[in-house]
Amino acid sequence: MSFQTGVGQRTAVVTGCASPRGIGFAVARRYAQEGWAVAMLDIDEAALKIAAEKVKSEFGQPVLAMHCNIGDKTSVDAAAKAVMESNLPPVGAIANVAGIPSPSSFLELSLEEWNRVYAVNCTGSFLVCQAFIPQMIEGGYGRIVNMSSVTAQHGGGVFSKTSYAAAKAGVIGLTRGLAREFAQYGITANAICPGVVDTDIRVGSTPENEAKLAEAVPMKRQCKPEEIAALYVWLSSADAGYITGTTQNINGGAYIA
């Protein structure tokens, strides 16, 4: 019996997990480390295969890598069907991690960019949840953990501005709605709001800028992806079964509410 779920081994569906320095990869690794099977979804098929092999070889748990555009319903539904028809254990957790930044100022923001940012950062979580929640209901165990951001709380800064803030605020509302609607099935839904994290998402940033970002945090450092991964997996555990509808801040004191 799995220590994490109390109901035997389950599969965690993780999005945006192809980058070796990304949060999603750290999340996938931590699930596998804790005894979960992992279904890894990403739009970068070549990098995803490499990442999945690393996770599988390191921890020896079942791993399935699937090319998926989370902003496209057909692609997400195909991934859900593939997981259901695979040899993986029943789906027990959805870890929506995939996201893209948006440094464009509001008056320079095109409708195309707005739609793209919202599609990946909010609509993608909606589509993935809608596709995989039925499998959790059928399996009798469910944990949803969605990636929001401190940007949704304070409005954004240098690297992520209004469109990103709006999309990530939408994730918080989505999460709260899911928490209410699916509590009857024992399924929980929580959002995570990281502050600045040591990843490659800030394309074009300089070491000087990264140092300034760390200096602005009361703890004087950026968050490690592994710290966020630990929170994802704990919120997916049996121990967190009465925690739902919450927004979990993990920002080193950068935003306190």
C-alpha atoms as a PDB file:
ATOM      1  CA  MET A   1       0.000   0.000   0.000  1.00  0.00           C
ATOM      2  CA  SER A   2       1.295   3.452  -0.891  1.00  0.00           C
ATOM      3  CA  PHE A   3       2.231   5.746   1.996  1.00  0.00           C
ATOM      4  CA  GLN A   4       1.246   8.705  -0.155  1.00  0.00           C
ATOM      5  CA  THR A   5      -2.327   7.759  -1.061  1.00  0.00           C
ATOM      6  CA  GLY A   6      -3.322   4.987   1.289  1.00  0.00           C
ATOM      7  CA  VAL A   7      -5.076   3.217  -1.607  1.00  0.00           C
ATOM      8  CA  GLY A   8      -2.225   1.608  -3.505  1.00  0.00           C
ATOM      9  CA  GLN A   9      -0.090   3.081  -6.247  1.00  0.00           C
ATOM     10  CA  ARG A  10      -1.627   5.873  -8.297  1.00  0.00           C
ATOM     11  CA  THR A  11      -0.588   7.868 -11.340  1.00  0.00           C
ATOM     12  CA  ALA A  12       0.226  11.558 -11.204  1.00  0.00           C
ATOM     13  CA  VAL A  13      -0.427  13.481 -14.421  1.00  0.00           C
ATOM     14  CA  VAL A  14       2.173  16.245 -14.693  1.00  0.00           C
ATOM     15  CA  THR A  15       2.187  18.949 -17.382  1.00  0.00           C
ATOM     16  CA  GLY A  16       5.119  21.036 -18.561  1.00  0.00           C
ATOM     17  CA  CYS A  17       7.834  18.663 -17.401  1.00  0.00           C
ATOM     18  CA  ALA A  18      10.368  18.437 -20.253  1.00  0.00           C
ATOM     19  CA  SER A  19      12.863  21.107 -19.162  1.00  0.00           C
ATOM     20  CA  PRO A  20      15.607  19.706 -16.898  1.00  0.00           C
ATOM     21  CA  ARG A  21      15.698  23.019 -14.972  1.00  0.00           C
ATOM     22  CA  GLY A  22      11.944  23.439 -14.832  1.00  0.00           C
ATOM     23  CA  ILE A  23       9.437  23.054 -12.027  1.00  0.00           C
ATOM     24  CA  GLY A  24       7.502  20.374 -13.906  1.00  0.00           C
ATOM     25  CA  PHE A  25      10.504  18.082 -14.186  1.00  0.00           C
ATOM     26  CA  ALA A  26      11.206  18.486 -10.470  1.00  0.00           C
ATOM     27  CA  VAL A  27       7.551  17.700  -9.731  1.00  0.00           C
ATOM     28  CA  ALA A  28       7.600  14.567 -11.889  1.00  0.00           C
ATOM     29  CA  ARG A  29      10.797  13.399 -10.183  1.00  0.00           C
ATOM     30  CA  ARG A  30       9.368  13.939  -6.709  1.00  0.00           C
ATOM     31  CA  TYR A  31       6.193  12.007  -7.460  1.00  0.00           C
ATOM     32  CA  ALA A  32       8.276   9.088  -8.736  1.00  0.00           C
ATOM     33  CA  GLN A  33      10.590   9.342  -5.744  1.00  0.00           C
ATOM     34  CA  GLU A  34       7.564   9.010  -3.450  1.00  0.00           C
ATOM     35  CA  GLY A  35       6.336   5.895  -5.252  1.00  0.00           C
ATOM     36  CA  TRP A  36       3.842   7.332  -7.732  1.00  0.00           C
ATOM     37  CA  ALA A  37       3.615   6.331 -11.377  1.00  0.00           C
ATOM     38  CA  VAL A  38       3.898   9.404 -13.596  1.00  0.00           C
ATOM     39  CA  ALA A  39       2.273  10.469 -16.838  1.00  0.00           C
ATOM     40  CA  MET A  40       4.434  13.283 -18.201  1.00  0.00           C
ATOM     41  CA  LEU A  41       2.853  15.720 -20.693  1.00  0.00           C
ATOM     42  CA  ASP A  42       4.700  18.395 -22.647  1.00  0.00           C
ATOM     43  CA  ILE A  43       4.625  20.082 -26.057  1.00  0.00           C
ATOM     44  CA  ASP A  44       8.384  19.540 -26.571  1.00  0.00           C
ATOM     45  CA  GLU A  45       8.327  15.892 -27.600  1.00  0.00           C
ATOM     46  CA  ALA A  46      12.075  15.370 -27.999  1.00  0.00           C
ATOM     47  CA  ALA A  47      12.996  16.915 -24.634  1.00  0.00           C
ATOM     48  CA  LEU A  48      10.098  15.092 -22.966  1.00  0.00           C
ATOM     49  CA  LYS A  49      11.401  11.675 -24.022  1.00  0.00           C
ATOM     50  CA  ILE A  50      14.778  12.452 -22.463  1.00  0.00           C
ATOM     51  CA  ALA A  51      13.166  13.748 -19.258  1.00  0.00           C
ATOM     52  CA  ALA A  52      10.886  10.715 -18.950  1.00  0.00           C
ATOM     53  CA  GLU A  53      13.792   8.313 -19.369  1.00  0.00           C
ATOM     54  CA  LYS A  54      15.674  10.123 -16.603  1.00  0.00           C
ATOM     55  CA  VAL A  55      12.750   9.857 -14.202  1.00  0.00           C
ATOM     56  CA  LYS A  56      12.114   6.204 -15.030  1.00  0.00           C
ATOM     57  CA  SER A  57      15.747   5.149 -14.747  1.00  0.00           C
ATOM     58  CA  GLU A  58      16.326   7.074 -11.530  1.00  0.00           C
ATOM     59  CA  PHE A  59      13.344   5.812  -9.548  1.00  0.00           C
ATOM     60  CA  GLY A  60      12.118   2.688 -11.349  1.00  0.00           C
ATOM     61  CA  GLN A  61       8.462   3.703 -11.310  1.00  0.00           C
ATOM     62  CA  PRO A  62       6.121   3.404 -14.322  1.00  0.00           C
ATOM     63  CA  VAL A  63       6.459   6.480 -16.532  1.00  0.00           C
ATOM     64  CA  LEU A  64       4.530   7.423 -19.664  1.00  0.00           C
ATOM     65  CA  ALA A  65       5.655  10.349 -21.846  1.00  0.00           C
ATOM     66  CA  MET A  66       3.041  11.970 -24.070  1.00  0.00           C
ATOM     67  CA  HIS A  67       3.379  14.859 -26.470  1.00  0.00           C
ATOM     68  CA  CYS A  68       0.528  17.220 -25.590  1.00  0.00           C
ATOM     69  CA  ASN A  69      -0.506  20.795 -26.324  1.00  0.00           C
ATOM     70  CA  ILE A  70      -2.471  21.625 -23.194  1.00  0.00           C
ATOM     71  CA  GLY A  71      -4.156  24.559 -24.919  1.00  0.00           C
ATOM     72  CA  ASP A  72      -5.781  22.231 -27.454  1.00  0.00           C
ATOM     73  CA  LYS A  73      -8.738  20.103 -26.363  1.00  0.00           C
ATOM     74  CA  THR A  74      -8.160  17.406 -28.977  1.00  0.00           C
ATOM     75  CA  SER A  75      -4.558  16.980 -27.844  1.00  0.00           C
ATOM     76  CA  VAL A  76      -5.488  16.850 -24.145  1.00  0.00           C
ATOM     77  CA  ASP A  77      -8.333  14.393 -24.697  1.00  0.00           C
ATOM     78  CA  ALA A  78      -5.986  12.144 -26.682  1.00  0.00           C
ATOM     79  CA  ALA A  79      -3.510  12.185 -23.792  1.00  0.00           C
ATOM     80  CA  ALA A  80      -6.253  11.278 -21.311  1.00  0.00           C
ATOM     81  CA  LYS A  81      -7.361   8.402 -23.515  1.00  0.00           C
ATOM     82  CA  ALA A  82      -3.772   7.160 -23.810  1.00  0.00           C
ATOM     83  CA  VAL A  83      -3.350   7.163 -20.023  1.00  0.00           C
ATOM     84  CA  MET A  84      -6.634   5.341 -19.512  1.00  0.00           C
ATOM     85  CA  GLU A  85      -5.677   2.662 -22.035  1.00  0.00           C
ATOM     86  CA  SER A  86      -2.118   2.274 -20.744  1.00  0.00           C
ATOM     87  CA  ASN A  87      -0.811  -0.078 -18.081  1.00  0.00           C
ATOM     88  CA  LEU A  88      -0.409   2.757 -15.585  1.00  0.00           C
ATOM     89  CA  PRO A  89      -2.229   2.611 -12.236  1.00  0.00           C
ATOM     90  CA  PRO A  90      -5.409   4.697 -11.848  1.00  0.00           C
ATOM     91  CA  VAL A  91      -4.960   8.463 -11.995  1.00  0.00           C
ATOM     92  CA  GLY A  92      -4.809   9.910  -8.495  1.00  0.00           C
ATOM     93  CA  ALA A  93      -3.345  13.360  -9.008  1.00  0.00           C
ATOM     94  CA  ILE A  94      -3.340  16.147 -11.580  1.00  0.00           C
ATOM     95  CA  ALA A  95      -0.346  18.463 -11.349  1.00  0.00           C
ATOM     96  CA  ASN A  96      -0.839  21.392 -13.701  1.00  0.00           C
ATOM     97  CA  VAL A  97       2.561  23.038 -13.991  1.00  0.00           C
ATOM     98  CA  ALA A  98       2.951  24.136 -17.628  1.00  0.00           C
ATOM     99  CA  GLY A  99       3.115  27.876 -18.180  1.00  0.00           C
ATOM    100  CA  ILE A 100       4.680  30.650 -20.229  1.00  0.00           C
ATOM    101  CA  PRO A 101       5.739  34.176 -19.197  1.00  0.00           C
ATOM    102  CA  SER A 102       4.429  37.417 -20.654  1.00  0.00           C
ATOM    103  CA  PRO A 103       6.694  40.456 -20.287  1.00  0.00           C
ATOM    104  CA  SER A 104       4.694  42.638 -22.720  1.00  0.00           C
ATOM    105  CA  SER A 105       3.251  45.831 -21.258  1.00  0.00           C
ATOM    106  CA  PHE A 106      -0.522  46.179 -21.419  1.00  0.00           C
ATOM    107  CA  LEU A 107      -0.731  48.790 -24.173  1.00  0.00           C
ATOM    108  CA  GLU A 108       1.709  46.814 -26.333  1.00  0.00           C
ATOM    109  CA  LEU A 109      -0.086  43.519 -25.759  1.00  0.00           C
ATOM    110  CA  SER A 110      -1.692  42.023 -28.844  1.00  0.00           C
ATOM    111  CA  LEU A 111      -4.890  40.002 -28.678  1.00  0.00           C
ATOM    112  CA  GLU A 112      -2.944  37.049 -30.106  1.00  0.00           C
ATOM    113  CA  GLU A 113      -0.453  37.132 -27.225  1.00  0.00           C
ATOM    114  CA  TRP A 114      -3.222  37.597 -24.665  1.00  0.00           C
ATOM    115  CA  ASN A 115      -5.014  34.532 -26.017  1.00  0.00           C
ATOM    116  CA  ARG A 116      -1.806  32.469 -26.130  1.00  0.00           C
ATOM    117  CA  VAL A 117      -0.845  33.377 -22.556  1.00  0.00           C
ATOM    118  CA  TYR A 118      -4.336  32.611 -21.279  1.00  0.00           C
ATOM    119  CA  ALA A 119      -4.551  29.371 -23.267  1.00  0.00           C
ATOM    120  CA  VAL A 120      -1.396  27.936 -21.701  1.00  0.00           C
ATOM    121  CA  ASN A 121      -1.595  29.435 -18.215  1.00  0.00           C
ATOM    122  CA  CYS A 122      -5.302  28.998 -17.471  1.00  0.00           C
ATOM    123  CA  THR A 123      -7.300  27.250 -20.188  1.00  0.00           C
ATOM    124  CA  GLY A 124      -4.741  24.431 -20.221  1.00  0.00           C
ATOM    125  CA  SER A 125      -5.454  23.678 -16.572  1.00  0.00           C
ATOM    126  CA  PHE A 126      -9.194  23.673 -17.308  1.00  0.00           C
ATOM    127  CA  LEU A 127      -8.787  21.234 -20.203  1.00  0.00           C
ATOM    128  CA  VAL A 128      -6.475  18.878 -18.323  1.00  0.00           C
ATOM    129  CA  CYS A 129      -8.763  18.799 -15.286  1.00  0.00           C
ATOM    130  CA  GLN A 130     -11.850  18.229 -17.417  1.00  0.00           C
ATOM    131  CA  ALA A 131     -10.157  15.356 -19.244  1.00  0.00           C
ATOM    132  CA  PHE A 132      -8.688  13.555 -16.218  1.00  0.00           C
ATOM    133  CA  ILE A 133     -11.129  14.187 -13.347  1.00  0.00           C
ATOM    134  CA  PRO A 134     -13.499  11.433 -14.548  1.00  0.00           C
ATOM    135  CA  GLN A 135     -10.678   8.932 -14.122  1.00  0.00           C
ATOM    136  CA  MET A 136     -10.132  10.107 -10.538  1.00  0.00           C
ATOM    137  CA  ILE A 137     -13.843   9.857  -9.747  1.00  0.00           C
ATOM    138  CA  GLU A 138     -13.898   6.312 -11.086  1.00  0.00           C
ATOM    139  CA  GLY A 139     -10.759   5.408  -9.168  1.00  0.00           C
ATOM    140  CA  GLY A 140     -12.016   6.777  -5.869  1.00  0.00           C
ATOM    141  CA  TYR A 141      -9.062   9.071  -5.142  1.00  0.00           C
ATOM    142  CA  GLY A 142      -8.257  12.533  -6.438  1.00  0.00           C
ATOM    143  CA  ARG A 143      -5.923  15.445  -5.831  1.00  0.00           C
ATOM    144  CA  ILE A 144      -5.720  18.491  -8.111  1.00  0.00           C
ATOM    145  CA  VAL A 145      -2.815  20.901  -7.709  1.00  0.00           C
ATOM    146  CA  ASN A 146      -2.743  23.899 -10.050  1.00  0.00           C
ATOM    147  CA  MET A 147       0.072  26.355 -10.669  1.00  0.00           C
ATOM    148  CA  SER A 148      -0.832  29.970 -10.075  1.00  0.00           C
ATOM    149  CA  SER A 149       1.732  32.663  -9.233  1.00  0.00           C
ATOM    150  CA  VAL A 150       2.530  35.490  -6.854  1.00  0.00           C
ATOM    151  CA  THR A 151       1.975  37.613  -9.965  1.00  0.00           C
ATOM    152  CA  ALA A 152      -1.759  36.938  -9.610  1.00  0.00           C
ATOM    153  CA  GLN A 153      -1.566  38.457  -6.130  1.00  0.00           C
ATOM    154  CA  HIS A 154       0.587  41.530  -6.645  1.00  0.00           C
ATOM    155  CA  GLY A 155      -0.074  42.286 -10.333  1.00  0.00           C
ATOM    156  CA  GLY A 156       3.261  41.474 -11.905  1.00  0.00           C
ATOM    157  CA  GLY A 157       6.687  42.973 -12.353  1.00  0.00           C
ATOM    158  CA  VAL A 158       9.512  43.025 -14.865  1.00  0.00           C
ATOM    159  CA  PHE A 159       9.148  39.598 -16.467  1.00  0.00           C
ATOM    160  CA  SER A 160       5.435  38.894 -16.158  1.00  0.00           C
ATOM    161  CA  LYS A 161       2.834  41.577 -16.450  1.00  0.00           C
ATOM    162  CA  THR A 162      -0.928  41.978 -16.812  1.00  0.00           C
ATOM    163  CA  SER A 163      -1.834  39.109 -19.120  1.00  0.00           C
ATOM    164  CA  TYR A 164       0.117  36.635 -17.007  1.00  0.00           C
ATOM    165  CA  ALA A 165      -1.369  38.052 -13.799  1.00  0.00           C
ATOM    166  CA  ALA A 166      -4.894  37.737 -15.199  1.00  0.00           C
ATOM    167  CA  ALA A 167      -4.379  34.157 -16.366  1.00  0.00           C
ATOM    168  CA  LYS A 168      -2.850  33.064 -13.085  1.00  0.00           C
ATOM    169  CA  ALA A 169      -5.643  34.777 -11.135  1.00  0.00           C
ATOM    170  CA  GLY A 170      -8.026  32.741 -13.270  1.00  0.00           C
ATOM    171  CA  VAL A 171      -6.279  29.590 -12.058  1.00  0.00           C
ATOM    172  CA  ILE A 172      -7.085  30.509  -8.454  1.00  0.00           C
ATOM    173  CA  GLY A 173     -10.772  30.946  -9.319  1.00  0.00           C
ATOM    174  CA  LEU A 174     -10.768  27.699 -11.298  1.00  0.00           C
ATOM    175  CA  THR A 175      -9.226  25.878  -8.355  1.00  0.00           C
ATOM    176  CA  ARG A 176     -11.774  27.176  -5.878  1.00  0.00           C
ATOM    177  CA  GLY A 177     -14.623  26.171  -8.168  1.00  0.00           C
ATOM    178  CA  LEU A 178     -13.188  22.685  -8.598  1.00  0.00           C
ATOM    179  CA  ALA A 179     -12.779  22.352  -4.834  1.00  0.00           C
ATOM    180  CA  ARG A 180     -16.461  23.044  -4.238  1.00  0.00           C
ATOM    181  CA  GLU A 181     -17.784  21.001  -7.129  1.00  0.00           C
ATOM    182  CA  PHE A 182     -15.767  17.831  -6.552  1.00  0.00           C
ATOM    183  CA  ALA A 183     -15.571  17.707  -2.750  1.00  0.00           C
ATOM    184  CA  GLN A 184     -18.530  15.321  -2.882  1.00  0.00           C
ATOM    185  CA  TYR A 185     -16.191  12.752  -4.460  1.00  0.00           C
ATOM    186  CA  GLY A 186     -13.425  13.282  -1.924  1.00  0.00           C
ATOM    187  CA  ILE A 187     -11.361  15.106  -4.575  1.00  0.00           C
ATOM    188  CA  THR A 188      -9.363  18.101  -3.372  1.00  0.00           C
ATOM    189  CA  ALA A 189      -8.148  21.067  -5.408  1.00  0.00           C
ATOM    190  CA  ASN A 190      -5.485  23.540  -4.342  1.00  0.00           C
ATOM    191  CA  ALA A 191      -3.433  26.235  -6.042  1.00  0.00           C
ATOM    192  CA  ILE A 192       0.245  26.985  -5.534  1.00  0.00           C
ATOM    193  CA  CYS A 193       1.538  30.552  -5.846  1.00  0.00           C
ATOM    194  CA  PRO A 194       5.325  30.594  -6.176  1.00  0.00           C
ATOM    195  CA  GLY A 195       7.374  33.733  -6.109  1.00  0.00           C
ATOM    196  CA  VAL A 196      10.608  33.980  -8.063  1.00  0.00           C
ATOM    197  CA  VAL A 197      11.954  30.499  -8.866  1.00  0.00           C
ATOM    198  CA  ASP A 198      15.396  29.478 -10.118  1.00  0.00           C
ATOM    199  CA  THR A 199      14.411  28.183 -13.572  1.00  0.00           C
ATOM    200  CA  ASP A 200      14.966  29.169 -17.208  1.00  0.00           C
ATOM    201  CA  ILE A 201      11.498  30.673 -17.708  1.00  0.00           C
ATOM    202  CA  ARG A 202      12.842  34.235 -17.744  1.00  0.00           C
ATOM    203  CA  VAL A 203      14.385  34.053 -21.195  1.00  0.00           C
ATOM    204  CA  GLY A 204      16.982  36.768 -21.741  1.00  0.00           C
ATOM    205  CA  SER A 205      17.501  37.540 -18.071  1.00  0.00           C
ATOM    206  CA  THR A 206      21.016  38.387 -16.914  1.00  0.00           C
ATOM    207  CA  PRO A 207      22.877  37.237 -13.777  1.00  0.00           C
ATOM    208  CA  GLU A 208      22.563  40.800 -12.497  1.00  0.00           C
ATOM    209  CA  ASN A 209      18.787  40.744 -12.886  1.00  0.00           C
ATOM    210  CA  GLU A 210      18.580  37.345 -11.221  1.00  0.00           C
ATOM    211  CA  ALA A 211      20.603  38.656  -8.280  1.00  0.00           C
ATOM    212  CA  LYS A 212      18.268  41.646  -7.962  1.00  0.00           C
ATOM    213  CA  LEU A 213      15.248  39.352  -7.943  1.00  0.00           C
ATOM    214  CA  ALA A 214      16.763  37.311  -5.131  1.00  0.00           C
ATOM    215  CA  GLU A 215      17.738  40.420  -3.168  1.00  0.00           C
ATOM    216  CA  ALA A 216      14.134  41.658  -3.233  1.00  0.00           C
ATOM    217  CA  VAL A 217      12.965  38.500  -1.421  1.00  0.00           C
ATOM    218  CA  PRO A 218      13.093  38.686   2.403  1.00  0.00           C
ATOM    219  CA  MET A 219      14.833  35.291   2.476  1.00  0.00           C
ATOM    220  CA  LYS A 220      17.407  36.665  -0.009  1.00  0.00           C
ATOM    221  CA  ARG A 221      17.252  33.778  -2.435  1.00  0.00           C
ATOM    222  CA  GLN A 222      15.113  32.337  -5.183  1.00  0.00           C
ATOM    223  CA  CYS A 223      12.935  29.306  -4.595  1.00  0.00           C
ATOM    224  CA  LYS A 224      14.246  25.934  -5.722  1.00  0.00           C
ATOM    225  CA  PRO A 225      12.027  23.871  -8.045  1.00  0.00           C
ATOM    226  CA  GLU A 226      12.448  20.943  -5.653  1.00  0.00           C
ATOM    227  CA  GLU A 227      10.784  22.955  -2.871  1.00  0.00           C
ATOM    228  CA  ILE A 228       7.706  23.493  -5.016  1.00  0.00           C
ATOM    229  CA  ALA A 229       7.747  19.835  -6.035  1.00  0.00           C
ATOM    230  CA  ALA A 230       7.629  18.795  -2.388  1.00  0.00           C
ATOM    231  CA  LEU A 231       4.509  20.917  -1.878  1.00  0.00           C
ATOM    232  CA  TYR A 232       2.815  19.419  -4.954  1.00  0.00           C
ATOM    233  CA  VAL A 233       3.365  15.891  -3.721  1.00  0.00           C
ATOM    234  CA  TRP A 234       2.324  16.611  -0.143  1.00  0.00           C
ATOM    235  CA  LEU A 235      -0.925  18.220  -1.330  1.00  0.00           C
ATOM    236  CA  SER A 236      -1.496  15.015  -3.323  1.00  0.00           C
ATOM    237  CA  SER A 237      -1.072  12.769  -0.305  1.00  0.00           C
ATOM    238  CA  ALA A 238      -3.663  11.163   1.946  1.00  0.00           C
ATOM    239  CA  ASP A 239      -2.421  13.412   4.754  1.00  0.00           C
ATOM    240  CA  ALA A 240      -3.742  16.472   2.868  1.00  0.00           C
ATOM    241  CA  GLY A 241      -7.214  15.023   2.360  1.00  0.00           C
ATOM    242  CA  TYR A 242      -9.021  17.797   4.278  1.00  0.00           C
ATOM    243  CA  ILE A 243      -7.178  20.672   2.603  1.00  0.00           C
ATOM    244  CA  THR A 244      -9.041  22.012  -0.404  1.00  0.00           C
ATOM    245  CA  GLY A 245      -9.772  25.318  -2.109  1.00  0.00           C
ATOM    246  CA  THR A 246      -6.633  26.899  -0.692  1.00  0.00           C
ATOM    247  CA  THR A 247      -3.943  29.078  -2.225  1.00  0.00           C
ATOM    248  CA  GLN A 248      -0.534  27.964  -0.977  1.00  0.00           C
ATOM    249  CA  ASN A 249       2.057  30.750  -0.997  1.00  0.00           C
ATOM    250  CA  ILE A 250       5.672  29.681  -1.491  1.00  0.00           C
ATOM    251  CA  ASN A 251       7.580  32.912  -2.033  1.00  0.00           C
ATOM    252  CA  GLY A 252      10.122  33.398   0.757  1.00  0.00           C
ATOM    253  CA  GLY A 253       8.071  36.233   2.217  1.00  0.00           C
ATOM    254  CA  ALA A 254       7.900  38.297  -0.978  1.00  0.00           C
ATOM    255  CA  TYR A 255       4.104  38.500  -0.641  1.00  0.00           C
ATOM    256  CA  ILE A 256       2.463  37.964   2.731  1.00  0.00           C
ATOM    257  CA  ALA A 257      -1.322  37.781   2.961  1.00  0.00           C
END
